[in-house]
């Protein structure tokens, strides 16, 4: 489940990328292995045209827009606070969104 939530957080960060840097660019507060894993996941997503298109579509999802408008979520994204993001109930709810589940399945392949 934690891996799936990390994918959700990464997808959310990429969907909100127009508003700021990618999550992996701001992970100074987490251990190097986590930062490397997130950066690798982001690179994999953006280099795959199908996954990148799914992320672009995700930007229009009302649930994603609400999360990206939430000051606590955007602050946690900006500081790379994976612990706060992974424990947030709104992030957990986003993991149940069919579009997000499609992305997590694509990543798992």
PDB file of N, CA and C in Angstrom:
ATOM      1  N   UNK A   1       0.831  -1.197   0.000  1.00  0.00           N
ATOM      2  CA  UNK A   1       0.000   0.000   0.000  1.00  0.00           C
ATOM      3  C   UNK A   1       0.870   1.254   0.000  1.00  0.00           C
ATOM      4  N   UNK A   2       1.967   1.240   0.765  1.00  0.00           N
ATOM      5  CA  UNK A   2       2.825   2.420   0.839  1.00  0.00           C
ATOM      6  C   UNK A   2       3.410   2.758  -0.529  1.00  0.00           C
ATOM      7  N   UNK A   3       3.804   1.733  -1.282  1.00  0.00           N
ATOM      8  CA  UNK A   3       4.332   1.960  -2.625  1.00  0.00           C
ATOM      9  C   UNK A   3       3.267   2.581  -3.527  1.00  0.00           C
ATOM     10  N   UNK A   4       2.041   2.078  -3.414  1.00  0.00           N
ATOM     11  CA  UNK A   4       0.951   2.635  -4.208  1.00  0.00           C
ATOM     12  C   UNK A   4       0.707   4.099  -3.834  1.00  0.00           C
ATOM     13  N   UNK A   5       0.758   4.395  -2.531  1.00  0.00           N
ATOM     14  CA  UNK A   5       0.558   5.786  -2.103  1.00  0.00           C
ATOM     15  C   UNK A   5       1.704   6.675  -2.571  1.00  0.00           C
ATOM     16  N   UNK A   6       2.912   6.147  -2.587  1.00  0.00           N
ATOM     17  CA  UNK A   6       4.045   6.933  -3.096  1.00  0.00           C
ATOM     18  C   UNK A   6       3.840   7.249  -4.571  1.00  0.00           C
ATOM     19  N   UNK A   7       3.299   6.299  -5.316  1.00  0.00           N
ATOM     20  CA  UNK A   7       2.983   6.554  -6.718  1.00  0.00           C
ATOM     21  C   UNK A   7       1.915   7.628  -6.836  1.00  0.00           C
ATOM     22  N   UNK A   8       0.919   7.578  -5.959  1.00  0.00           N
ATOM     23  CA  UNK A   8      -0.147   8.588  -5.964  1.00  0.00           C
ATOM     24  C   UNK A   8       0.434   9.965  -5.680  1.00  0.00           C
ATOM     25  N   UNK A   9       1.302  10.060  -4.683  1.00  0.00           N
ATOM     26  CA  UNK A   9       1.925  11.342  -4.346  1.00  0.00           C
ATOM     27  C   UNK A   9       2.759  11.843  -5.525  1.00  0.00           C
ATOM     28  N   UNK A  10       3.499  10.953  -6.147  1.00  0.00           N
ATOM     29  CA  UNK A  10       4.318  11.335  -7.295  1.00  0.00           C
ATOM     30  C   UNK A  10       3.442  11.823  -8.443  1.00  0.00           C
ATOM     31  N   UNK A  11       2.353  11.115  -8.707  1.00  0.00           N
ATOM     32  CA  UNK A  11       1.420  11.533  -9.762  1.00  0.00           C
ATOM     33  C   UNK A  11       0.825  12.896  -9.436  1.00  0.00           C
ATOM     34  N   UNK A  12       0.464  13.100  -8.174  1.00  0.00           N
ATOM     35  CA  UNK A  12      -0.087  14.391  -7.760  1.00  0.00           C
ATOM     36  C   UNK A  12       0.942  15.502  -7.956  1.00  0.00           C
ATOM     37  N   UNK A  13       2.169  15.235  -7.560  1.00  0.00           N
ATOM     38  CA  UNK A  13       3.225  16.235  -7.730  1.00  0.00           C
ATOM     39  C   UNK A  13       3.435  16.560  -9.202  1.00  0.00           C
ATOM     40  N   UNK A  14       3.432  15.543 -10.048  1.00  0.00           N
ATOM     41  CA  UNK A  14       3.610  15.783 -11.479  1.00  0.00           C
ATOM     42  C   UNK A  14       2.409  16.525 -12.064  1.00  0.00           C
ATOM     43  N   UNK A  15       1.210  16.178 -11.602  1.00  0.00           N
ATOM     44  CA  UNK A  15       0.015  16.866 -12.091  1.00  0.00           C
ATOM     45  C   UNK A  15       0.052  18.346 -11.722  1.00  0.00           C
ATOM     46  N   UNK A  16       0.613  18.641 -10.576  1.00  0.00           N
ATOM     47  CA  UNK A  16       0.696  20.032 -10.136  1.00  0.00           C
ATOM     48  C   UNK A  16       1.969  20.732 -10.557  1.00  0.00           C
ATOM     49  N   UNK A  17       2.751  20.090 -11.377  1.00  0.00           N
ATOM     50  CA  UNK A  17       4.065  20.608 -11.769  1.00  0.00           C
ATOM     51  C   UNK A  17       4.013  22.005 -12.386  1.00  0.00           C
ATOM     52  N   UNK A  18       2.929  22.352 -13.027  1.00  0.00           N
ATOM     53  CA  UNK A  18       2.833  23.680 -13.613  1.00  0.00           C
ATOM     54  C   UNK A  18       2.890  24.765 -12.551  1.00  0.00           C
ATOM     55  N   UNK A  19       2.483  24.420 -11.329  1.00  0.00           N
ATOM     56  CA  UNK A  19       2.479  25.388 -10.241  1.00  0.00           C
ATOM     57  C   UNK A  19       3.827  25.470  -9.532  1.00  0.00           C
ATOM     58  N   UNK A  20       4.708  24.542  -9.781  1.00  0.00           N
ATOM     59  CA  UNK A  20       5.990  24.567  -9.089  1.00  0.00           C
ATOM     60  C   UNK A  20       6.877  23.432  -9.542  1.00  0.00           C
ATOM     61  N   UNK A  21       7.999  23.232  -8.855  1.00  0.00           N
ATOM     62  CA  UNK A  21       8.942  22.186  -9.253  1.00  0.00           C
ATOM     63  C   UNK A  21       8.385  20.807  -8.972  1.00  0.00           C
ATOM     64  N   UNK A  22       8.940  19.830  -9.652  1.00  0.00           N
ATOM     65  CA  UNK A  22       8.557  18.446  -9.394  1.00  0.00           C
ATOM     66  C   UNK A  22       8.949  18.071  -7.979  1.00  0.00           C
ATOM     67  N   UNK A  23       8.257  17.139  -7.396  1.00  0.00           N
ATOM     68  CA  UNK A  23       8.511  16.733  -6.021  1.00  0.00           C
ATOM     69  C   UNK A  23       9.962  16.324  -5.815  1.00  0.00           C
ATOM     70  N   UNK A  24      10.527  15.593  -6.736  1.00  0.00           N
ATOM     71  CA  UNK A  24      11.900  15.111  -6.574  1.00  0.00           C
ATOM     72  C   UNK A  24      12.914  16.247  -6.556  1.00  0.00           C
ATOM     73  N   UNK A  25      12.532  17.410  -7.056  1.00  0.00           N
ATOM     74  CA  UNK A  25      13.442  18.552  -7.034  1.00  0.00           C
ATOM     75  C   UNK A  25      13.532  19.169  -5.648  1.00  0.00           C
ATOM     76  N   UNK A  26      12.612  18.805  -4.746  1.00  0.00           N
ATOM     77  CA  UNK A  26      12.498  19.453  -3.447  1.00  0.00           C
ATOM     78  C   UNK A  26      12.532  18.476  -2.291  1.00  0.00           C
ATOM     79  N   UNK A  27      13.262  17.395  -2.403  1.00  0.00           N
ATOM     80  CA  UNK A  27      13.225  16.368  -1.378  1.00  0.00           C
ATOM     81  C   UNK A  27      14.401  16.439  -0.409  1.00  0.00           C
ATOM     82  N   UNK A  28      14.830  17.627  -0.085  1.00  0.00           N
ATOM     83  CA  UNK A  28      15.951  17.769   0.823  1.00  0.00           C
ATOM     84  C   UNK A  28      15.707  17.202   2.202  1.00  0.00           C
ATOM     85  N   UNK A  29      14.443  17.105   2.647  1.00  0.00           N
ATOM     86  CA  UNK A  29      14.141  16.654   3.994  1.00  0.00           C
ATOM     87  C   UNK A  29      13.934  15.154   4.136  1.00  0.00           C
ATOM     88  N   UNK A  30      14.147  14.390   3.087  1.00  0.00           N
ATOM     89  CA  UNK A  30      13.961  12.938   3.198  1.00  0.00           C
ATOM     90  C   UNK A  30      15.284  12.251   2.907  1.00  0.00           C
ATOM     91  N   UNK A  31      15.348  10.967   3.243  1.00  0.00           N
ATOM     92  CA  UNK A  31      16.617  10.272   3.032  1.00  0.00           C
ATOM     93  C   UNK A  31      16.915  10.130   1.540  1.00  0.00           C
ATOM     94  N   UNK A  32      18.169   9.919   1.236  1.00  0.00           N
ATOM     95  CA  UNK A  32      18.620   9.886  -0.157  1.00  0.00           C
ATOM     96  C   UNK A  32      17.964   8.757  -0.944  1.00  0.00           C
ATOM     97  N   UNK A  33      17.753   7.611  -0.318  1.00  0.00           N
ATOM     98  CA  UNK A  33      17.139   6.485  -1.023  1.00  0.00           C
ATOM     99  C   UNK A  33      15.715   6.821  -1.439  1.00  0.00           C
ATOM    100  N   UNK A  34      14.953   7.473  -0.562  1.00  0.00           N
ATOM    101  CA  UNK A  34      13.589   7.865  -0.893  1.00  0.00           C
ATOM    102  C   UNK A  34      13.591   8.903  -2.002  1.00  0.00           C
ATOM    103  N   UNK A  35      14.451   9.892  -1.890  1.00  0.00           N
ATOM    104  CA  UNK A  35      14.539  10.929  -2.922  1.00  0.00           C
ATOM    105  C   UNK A  35      14.908  10.316  -4.266  1.00  0.00           C
ATOM    106  N   UNK A  36      15.861   9.389  -4.264  1.00  0.00           N
ATOM    107  CA  UNK A  36      16.258   8.728  -5.506  1.00  0.00           C
ATOM    108  C   UNK A  36      15.110   7.913  -6.093  1.00  0.00           C
ATOM    109  N   UNK A  37      14.371   7.207  -5.229  1.00  0.00           N
ATOM    110  CA  UNK A  37      13.256   6.384  -5.699  1.00  0.00           C
ATOM    111  C   UNK A  37      12.161   7.250  -6.314  1.00  0.00           C
ATOM    112  N   UNK A  38      11.845   8.382  -5.667  1.00  0.00           N
ATOM    113  CA  UNK A  38      10.819   9.279  -6.200  1.00  0.00           C
ATOM    114  C   UNK A  38      11.289   9.879  -7.511  1.00  0.00           C
ATOM    115  N   UNK A  39      12.538  10.287  -7.571  1.00  0.00           N
ATOM    116  CA  UNK A  39      13.070  10.876  -8.798  1.00  0.00           C
ATOM    117  C   UNK A  39      13.039   9.850  -9.939  1.00  0.00           C
ATOM    118  N   UNK A  40      13.398   8.612  -9.652  1.00  0.00           N
ATOM    119  CA  UNK A  40      13.368   7.564 -10.674  1.00  0.00           C
ATOM    120  C   UNK A  40      11.943   7.312 -11.141  1.00  0.00           C
ATOM    121  N   UNK A  41      11.000   7.309 -10.202  1.00  0.00           N
ATOM    122  CA  UNK A  41       9.593   7.103 -10.554  1.00  0.00           C
ATOM    123  C   UNK A  41       9.083   8.247 -11.425  1.00  0.00           C
ATOM    124  N   UNK A  42       9.422   9.471 -11.056  1.00  0.00           N
ATOM    125  CA  UNK A  42       9.004  10.615 -11.869  1.00  0.00           C
ATOM    126  C   UNK A  42       9.585  10.523 -13.270  1.00  0.00           C
ATOM    127  N   UNK A  43      10.849  10.181 -13.369  1.00  0.00           N
ATOM    128  CA  UNK A  43      11.495  10.078 -14.680  1.00  0.00           C
ATOM    129  C   UNK A  43      10.825   8.999 -15.515  1.00  0.00           C
ATOM    130  N   UNK A  44      10.505   7.888 -14.890  1.00  0.00           N
ATOM    131  CA  UNK A  44       9.837   6.793 -15.607  1.00  0.00           C
ATOM    132  C   UNK A  44       8.474   7.230 -16.122  1.00  0.00           C
ATOM    133  N   UNK A  45       7.729   7.957 -15.297  1.00  0.00           N
ATOM    134  CA  UNK A  45       6.394   8.407 -15.695  1.00  0.00           C
ATOM    135  C   UNK A  45       6.479   9.392 -16.859  1.00  0.00           C
ATOM    136  N   UNK A  46       7.341  10.395 -16.745  1.00  0.00           N
ATOM    137  CA  UNK A  46       7.386  11.411 -17.795  1.00  0.00           C
ATOM    138  C   UNK A  46       8.015  10.895 -19.085  1.00  0.00           C
ATOM    139  N   UNK A  47       8.815   9.831 -19.005  1.00  0.00           N
ATOM    140  CA  UNK A  47       9.421   9.297 -20.228  1.00  0.00           C
ATOM    141  C   UNK A  47       8.510   8.307 -20.954  1.00  0.00           C
ATOM    142  N   UNK A  48       7.435   7.899 -20.313  1.00  0.00           N
ATOM    143  CA  UNK A  48       6.479   6.982 -20.945  1.00  0.00           C
ATOM    144  C   UNK A  48       5.305   7.809 -21.464  1.00  0.00           C
ATOM    145  N   UNK A  49       5.114   7.873 -22.785  1.00  0.00           N
ATOM    146  CA  UNK A  49       4.055   8.732 -23.340  1.00  0.00           C
ATOM    147  C   UNK A  49       2.658   8.419 -22.799  1.00  0.00           C
ATOM    148  N   UNK A  50       2.360   7.142 -22.599  1.00  0.00           N
ATOM    149  CA  UNK A  50       1.040   6.771 -22.087  1.00  0.00           C
ATOM    150  C   UNK A  50       0.851   7.257 -20.649  1.00  0.00           C
ATOM    151  N   UNK A  51       1.863   7.055 -19.804  1.00  0.00           N
ATOM    152  CA  UNK A  51       1.760   7.513 -18.423  1.00  0.00           C
ATOM    153  C   UNK A  51       1.754   9.038 -18.352  1.00  0.00           C
ATOM    154  N   UNK A  52       2.564   9.684 -19.174  1.00  0.00           N
ATOM    155  CA  UNK A  52       2.590  11.143 -19.181  1.00  0.00           C
ATOM    156  C   UNK A  52       1.226  11.713 -19.576  1.00  0.00           C
ATOM    157  N   UNK A  53       0.581  11.077 -20.542  1.00  0.00           N
ATOM    158  CA  UNK A  53      -0.763  11.510 -20.948  1.00  0.00           C
ATOM    159  C   UNK A  53      -1.756  11.314 -19.807  1.00  0.00           C
ATOM    160  N   UNK A  54      -1.628  10.221 -19.084  1.00  0.00           N
ATOM    161  CA  UNK A  54      -2.506   9.978 -17.940  1.00  0.00           C
ATOM    162  C   UNK A  54      -2.324  11.056 -16.876  1.00  0.00           C
ATOM    163  N   UNK A  55      -1.096  11.473 -16.657  1.00  0.00           N
ATOM    164  CA  UNK A  55      -0.823  12.536 -15.674  1.00  0.00           C
ATOM    165  C   UNK A  55      -1.418  13.853 -16.155  1.00  0.00           C
ATOM    166  N   UNK A  56      -1.269  14.154 -17.440  1.00  0.00           N
ATOM    167  CA  UNK A  56      -1.868  15.393 -17.970  1.00  0.00           C
ATOM    168  C   UNK A  56      -3.378  15.373 -17.782  1.00  0.00           C
ATOM    169  N   UNK A  57      -4.004  14.228 -18.035  1.00  0.00           N
ATOM    170  CA  UNK A  57      -5.447  14.101 -17.832  1.00  0.00           C
ATOM    171  C   UNK A  57      -5.811  14.268 -16.363  1.00  0.00           C
ATOM    172  N   UNK A  58      -4.938  13.809 -15.499  1.00  0.00           N
ATOM    173  CA  UNK A  58      -5.194  13.884 -14.062  1.00  0.00           C
ATOM    174  C   UNK A  58      -5.298  15.330 -13.573  1.00  0.00           C
ATOM    175  N   UNK A  59      -4.589  16.231 -14.235  1.00  0.00           N
ATOM    176  CA  UNK A  59      -4.650  17.658 -13.834  1.00  0.00           C
ATOM    177  C   UNK A  59      -6.059  18.198 -13.864  1.00  0.00           C
ATOM    178  N   UNK A  60      -6.915  17.642 -14.733  1.00  0.00           N
ATOM    179  CA  UNK A  60      -8.285  18.126 -14.858  1.00  0.00           C
ATOM    180  C   UNK A  60      -9.246  17.463 -13.880  1.00  0.00           C
ATOM    181  N   UNK A  61      -8.790  16.460 -13.158  1.00  0.00           N
ATOM    182  CA  UNK A  61      -9.635  15.738 -12.197  1.00  0.00           C
ATOM    183  C   UNK A  61      -9.980  16.682 -11.033  1.00  0.00           C
ATOM    184  N   UNK A  62     -11.273  16.844 -10.715  1.00  0.00           N
ATOM    185  CA  UNK A  62     -11.671  17.761  -9.624  1.00  0.00           C
ATOM    186  C   UNK A  62     -11.033  17.410  -8.279  1.00  0.00           C
ATOM    187  N   UNK A  63     -10.873  16.125  -8.014  1.00  0.00           N
ATOM    188  CA  UNK A  63     -10.262  15.725  -6.743  1.00  0.00           C
ATOM    189  C   UNK A  63      -8.792  16.159  -6.694  1.00  0.00           C
ATOM    190  N   UNK A  64      -8.104  16.033  -7.800  1.00  0.00           N
ATOM    191  CA  UNK A  64      -6.705  16.458  -7.870  1.00  0.00           C
ATOM    192  C   UNK A  64      -6.618  17.976  -7.760  1.00  0.00           C
ATOM    193  N   UNK A  65      -7.492  18.681  -8.447  1.00  0.00           N
ATOM    194  CA  UNK A  65      -7.488  20.142  -8.358  1.00  0.00           C
ATOM    195  C   UNK A  65      -7.724  20.604  -6.923  1.00  0.00           C
ATOM    196  N   UNK A  66      -8.622  19.917  -6.219  1.00  0.00           N
ATOM    197  CA  UNK A  66      -8.886  20.275  -4.819  1.00  0.00           C
ATOM    198  C   UNK A  66      -7.644  20.036  -3.956  1.00  0.00           C
ATOM    199  N   UNK A  67      -6.953  18.936  -4.191  1.00  0.00           N
ATOM    200  CA  UNK A  67      -5.735  18.665  -3.428  1.00  0.00           C
ATOM    201  C   UNK A  67      -4.654  19.701  -3.716  1.00  0.00           C
ATOM    202  N   UNK A  68      -4.525  20.073  -4.981  1.00  0.00           N
ATOM    203  CA  UNK A  68      -3.501  21.052  -5.346  1.00  0.00           C
ATOM    204  C   UNK A  68      -3.848  22.462  -4.863  1.00  0.00           C
ATOM    205  N   UNK A  69      -5.110  22.668  -4.492  1.00  0.00           N
ATOM    206  CA  UNK A  69      -5.529  23.958  -3.932  1.00  0.00           C
ATOM    207  C   UNK A  69      -5.465  23.952  -2.400  1.00  0.00           C
ATOM    208  N   UNK A  70      -5.212  22.788  -1.813  1.00  0.00           N
ATOM    209  CA  UNK A  70      -5.150  22.654  -0.359  1.00  0.00           C
ATOM    210  C   UNK A  70      -3.777  23.131   0.135  1.00  0.00           C
ATOM    211  N   UNK A  71      -3.741  24.185   0.951  1.00  0.00           N
ATOM    212  CA  UNK A  71      -2.445  24.717   1.401  1.00  0.00           C
ATOM    213  C   UNK A  71      -1.580  23.702   2.146  1.00  0.00           C
ATOM    214  N   UNK A  72      -2.187  22.829   2.932  1.00  0.00           N
ATOM    215  CA  UNK A  72      -1.398  21.832   3.669  1.00  0.00           C
ATOM    216  C   UNK A  72      -0.753  20.833   2.716  1.00  0.00           C
ATOM    217  N   UNK A  73      -1.496  20.425   1.700  1.00  0.00           N
ATOM    218  CA  UNK A  73      -0.963  19.476   0.715  1.00  0.00           C
ATOM    219  C   UNK A  73       0.147  20.133  -0.098  1.00  0.00           C
ATOM    220  N   UNK A  74      -0.106  21.344  -0.596  1.00  0.00           N
ATOM    221  CA  UNK A  74       0.913  21.998  -1.424  1.00  0.00           C
ATOM    222  C   UNK A  74       2.167  22.314  -0.603  1.00  0.00           C
ATOM    223  N   UNK A  75       2.002  22.635   0.674  1.00  0.00           N
ATOM    224  CA  UNK A  75       3.171  22.888   1.524  1.00  0.00           C
ATOM    225  C   UNK A  75       3.964  21.599   1.721  1.00  0.00           C
ATOM    226  N   UNK A  76       3.257  20.493   1.949  1.00  0.00           N
ATOM    227  CA  UNK A  76       3.940  19.209   2.113  1.00  0.00           C
ATOM    228  C   UNK A  76       4.646  18.801   0.819  1.00  0.00           C
ATOM    229  N   UNK A  77       4.001  19.042  -0.331  1.00  0.00           N
ATOM    230  CA  UNK A  77       4.649  18.768  -1.617  1.00  0.00           C
ATOM    231  C   UNK A  77       5.897  19.625  -1.783  1.00  0.00           C
ATOM    232  N   UNK A  78       5.787  20.905  -1.446  1.00  0.00           N
ATOM    233  CA  UNK A  78       6.905  21.833  -1.629  1.00  0.00           C
ATOM    234  C   UNK A  78       8.105  21.463  -0.766  1.00  0.00           C
ATOM    235  N   UNK A  79       7.842  20.963   0.431  1.00  0.00           N
ATOM    236  CA  UNK A  79       8.976  20.616   1.300  1.00  0.00           C
ATOM    237  C   UNK A  79       9.374  19.142   1.184  1.00  0.00           C
ATOM    238  N   UNK A  80       8.676  18.393   0.308  1.00  0.00           N
ATOM    239  CA  UNK A  80       9.012  16.993   0.108  1.00  0.00           C
ATOM    240  C   UNK A  80       8.702  16.134   1.312  1.00  0.00           C
ATOM    241  N   UNK A  81       7.661  16.484   2.051  1.00  0.00           N
ATOM    242  CA  UNK A  81       7.304  15.779   3.281  1.00  0.00           C
ATOM    243  C   UNK A  81       6.468  14.545   2.950  1.00  0.00           C
ATOM    244  N   UNK A  82       7.158  13.477   2.566  1.00  0.00           N
ATOM    245  CA  UNK A  82       6.474  12.253   2.172  1.00  0.00           C
ATOM    246  C   UNK A  82       5.666  11.663   3.324  1.00  0.00           C
ATOM    247  N   UNK A  83       6.170  11.756   4.549  1.00  0.00           N
ATOM    248  CA  UNK A  83       5.440  11.203   5.691  1.00  0.00           C
ATOM    249  C   UNK A  83       4.079  11.865   5.833  1.00  0.00           C
ATOM    250  N   UNK A  84       4.047  13.187   5.735  1.00  0.00           N
ATOM    251  CA  UNK A  84       2.775  13.903   5.851  1.00  0.00           C
ATOM    252  C   UNK A  84       1.856  13.558   4.687  1.00  0.00           C
ATOM    253  N   UNK A  85       2.407  13.486   3.501  1.00  0.00           N
ATOM    254  CA  UNK A  85       1.593  13.186   2.324  1.00  0.00           C
ATOM    255  C   UNK A  85       1.035  11.765   2.371  1.00  0.00           C
ATOM    256  N   UNK A  86       1.870  10.810   2.738  1.00  0.00           N
ATOM    257  CA  UNK A  86       1.431   9.418   2.751  1.00  0.00           C
ATOM    258  C   UNK A  86       0.407   9.138   3.845  1.00  0.00           C
ATOM    259  N   UNK A  87       0.410   9.955   4.897  1.00  0.00           N
ATOM    260  CA  UNK A  87      -0.551   9.736   5.976  1.00  0.00           C
ATOM    261  C   UNK A  87      -1.809  10.592   5.824  1.00  0.00           C
ATOM    262  N   UNK A  88      -1.843  11.461   4.840  1.00  0.00           N
ATOM    263  CA  UNK A  88      -3.005  12.341   4.663  1.00  0.00           C
ATOM    264  C   UNK A  88      -4.195  11.540   4.128  1.00  0.00           C
ATOM    265  N   UNK A  89      -5.355  11.638   4.786  1.00  0.00           N
ATOM    266  CA  UNK A  89      -6.524  10.878   4.326  1.00  0.00           C
ATOM    267  C   UNK A  89      -6.989  11.282   2.923  1.00  0.00           C
ATOM    268  N   UNK A  90      -6.730  12.518   2.525  1.00  0.00           N
ATOM    269  CA  UNK A  90      -7.131  12.950   1.180  1.00  0.00           C
ATOM    270  C   UNK A  90      -6.275  12.266   0.112  1.00  0.00           C
ATOM    271  N   UNK A  91      -5.013  12.048   0.420  1.00  0.00           N
ATOM    272  CA  UNK A  91      -4.123  11.327  -0.497  1.00  0.00           C
ATOM    273  C   UNK A  91      -4.576   9.875  -0.577  1.00  0.00           C
ATOM    274  N   UNK A  92      -4.919   9.303   0.573  1.00  0.00           N
ATOM    275  CA  UNK A  92      -5.402   7.920   0.599  1.00  0.00           C
ATOM    276  C   UNK A  92      -6.691   7.782  -0.218  1.00  0.00           C
ATOM    277  N   UNK A  93      -7.565   8.786  -0.135  1.00  0.00           N
ATOM    278  CA  UNK A  93      -8.810   8.756  -0.924  1.00  0.00           C
ATOM    279  C   UNK A  93      -8.503   8.869  -2.411  1.00  0.00           C
ATOM    280  N   UNK A  94      -7.496   9.681  -2.757  1.00  0.00           N
ATOM    281  CA  UNK A  94      -7.119   9.828  -4.159  1.00  0.00           C
ATOM    282  C   UNK A  94      -6.655   8.493  -4.736  1.00  0.00           C
ATOM    283  N   UNK A  95      -6.060   7.661  -3.900  1.00  0.00           N
ATOM    284  CA  UNK A  95      -5.586   6.354  -4.362  1.00  0.00           C
ATOM    285  C   UNK A  95      -6.736   5.479  -4.865  1.00  0.00           C
ATOM    286  N   UNK A  96      -7.969   5.794  -4.453  1.00  0.00           N
ATOM    287  CA  UNK A  96      -9.133   5.022  -4.901  1.00  0.00           C
ATOM    288  C   UNK A  96      -9.734   5.551  -6.198  1.00  0.00           C
ATOM    289  N   UNK A  97      -9.251   6.689  -6.688  1.00  0.00           N
ATOM    290  CA  UNK A  97      -9.754   7.277  -7.925  1.00  0.00           C
ATOM    291  C   UNK A  97      -9.370   6.360  -9.095  1.00  0.00           C
ATOM    292  N   UNK A  98     -10.333   6.026  -9.975  1.00  0.00           N
ATOM    293  CA  UNK A  98     -10.025   5.113 -11.095  1.00  0.00           C
ATOM    294  C   UNK A  98      -8.871   5.590 -11.980  1.00  0.00           C
ATOM    295  N   UNK A  99      -8.769   6.879 -12.234  1.00  0.00           N
ATOM    296  CA  UNK A  99      -7.674   7.386 -13.076  1.00  0.00           C
ATOM    297  C   UNK A  99      -6.331   7.179 -12.385  1.00  0.00           C
ATOM    298  N   UNK A 100      -6.297   7.376 -11.089  1.00  0.00           N
ATOM    299  CA  UNK A 100      -5.061   7.188 -10.334  1.00  0.00           C
ATOM    300  C   UNK A 100      -4.724   5.704 -10.253  1.00  0.00           C
ATOM    301  N   UNK A 101      -5.721   4.875 -10.080  1.00  0.00           N
ATOM    302  CA  UNK A 101      -5.475   3.433 -10.062  1.00  0.00           C
ATOM    303  C   UNK A 101      -4.905   2.954 -11.397  1.00  0.00           C
ATOM    304  N   UNK A 102      -5.372   3.550 -12.489  1.00  0.00           N
ATOM    305  CA  UNK A 102      -4.834   3.203 -13.811  1.00  0.00           C
ATOM    306  C   UNK A 102      -3.346   3.557 -13.869  1.00  0.00           C
ATOM    307  N   UNK A 103      -2.984   4.705 -13.327  1.00  0.00           N
ATOM    308  CA  UNK A 103      -1.572   5.110 -13.322  1.00  0.00           C
ATOM    309  C   UNK A 103      -0.748   4.166 -12.459  1.00  0.00           C
ATOM    310  N   UNK A 104      -1.259   3.818 -11.291  1.00  0.00           N
ATOM    311  CA  UNK A 104      -0.492   2.918 -10.422  1.00  0.00           C
ATOM    312  C   UNK A 104      -0.328   1.536 -11.071  1.00  0.00           C
ATOM    313  N   UNK A 105      -1.324   1.101 -11.820  1.00  0.00           N
ATOM    314  CA  UNK A 105      -1.191  -0.170 -12.548  1.00  0.00           C
ATOM    315  C   UNK A 105      -0.128  -0.045 -13.641  1.00  0.00           C
ATOM    316  N   UNK A 106      -0.108   1.101 -14.338  1.00  0.00           N
ATOM    317  CA  UNK A 106       0.892   1.313 -15.387  1.00  0.00           C
ATOM    318  C   UNK A 106       2.285   1.297 -14.793  1.00  0.00           C
ATOM    319  N   UNK A 107       2.448   1.931 -13.638  1.00  0.00           N
ATOM    320  CA  UNK A 107       3.754   1.988 -12.977  1.00  0.00           C
ATOM    321  C   UNK A 107       4.180   0.602 -12.520  1.00  0.00           C
ATOM    322  N   UNK A 108       3.220  -0.192 -12.072  1.00  0.00           N
ATOM    323  CA  UNK A 108       3.538  -1.530 -11.556  1.00  0.00           C
ATOM    324  C   UNK A 108       3.994  -2.489 -12.655  1.00  0.00           C
ATOM    325  N   UNK A 109       3.681  -2.186 -13.910  1.00  0.00           N
ATOM    326  CA  UNK A 109       4.091  -3.080 -15.009  1.00  0.00           C
ATOM    327  C   UNK A 109       5.560  -3.087 -15.209  1.00  0.00           C
TER     328      UNK A 109
END
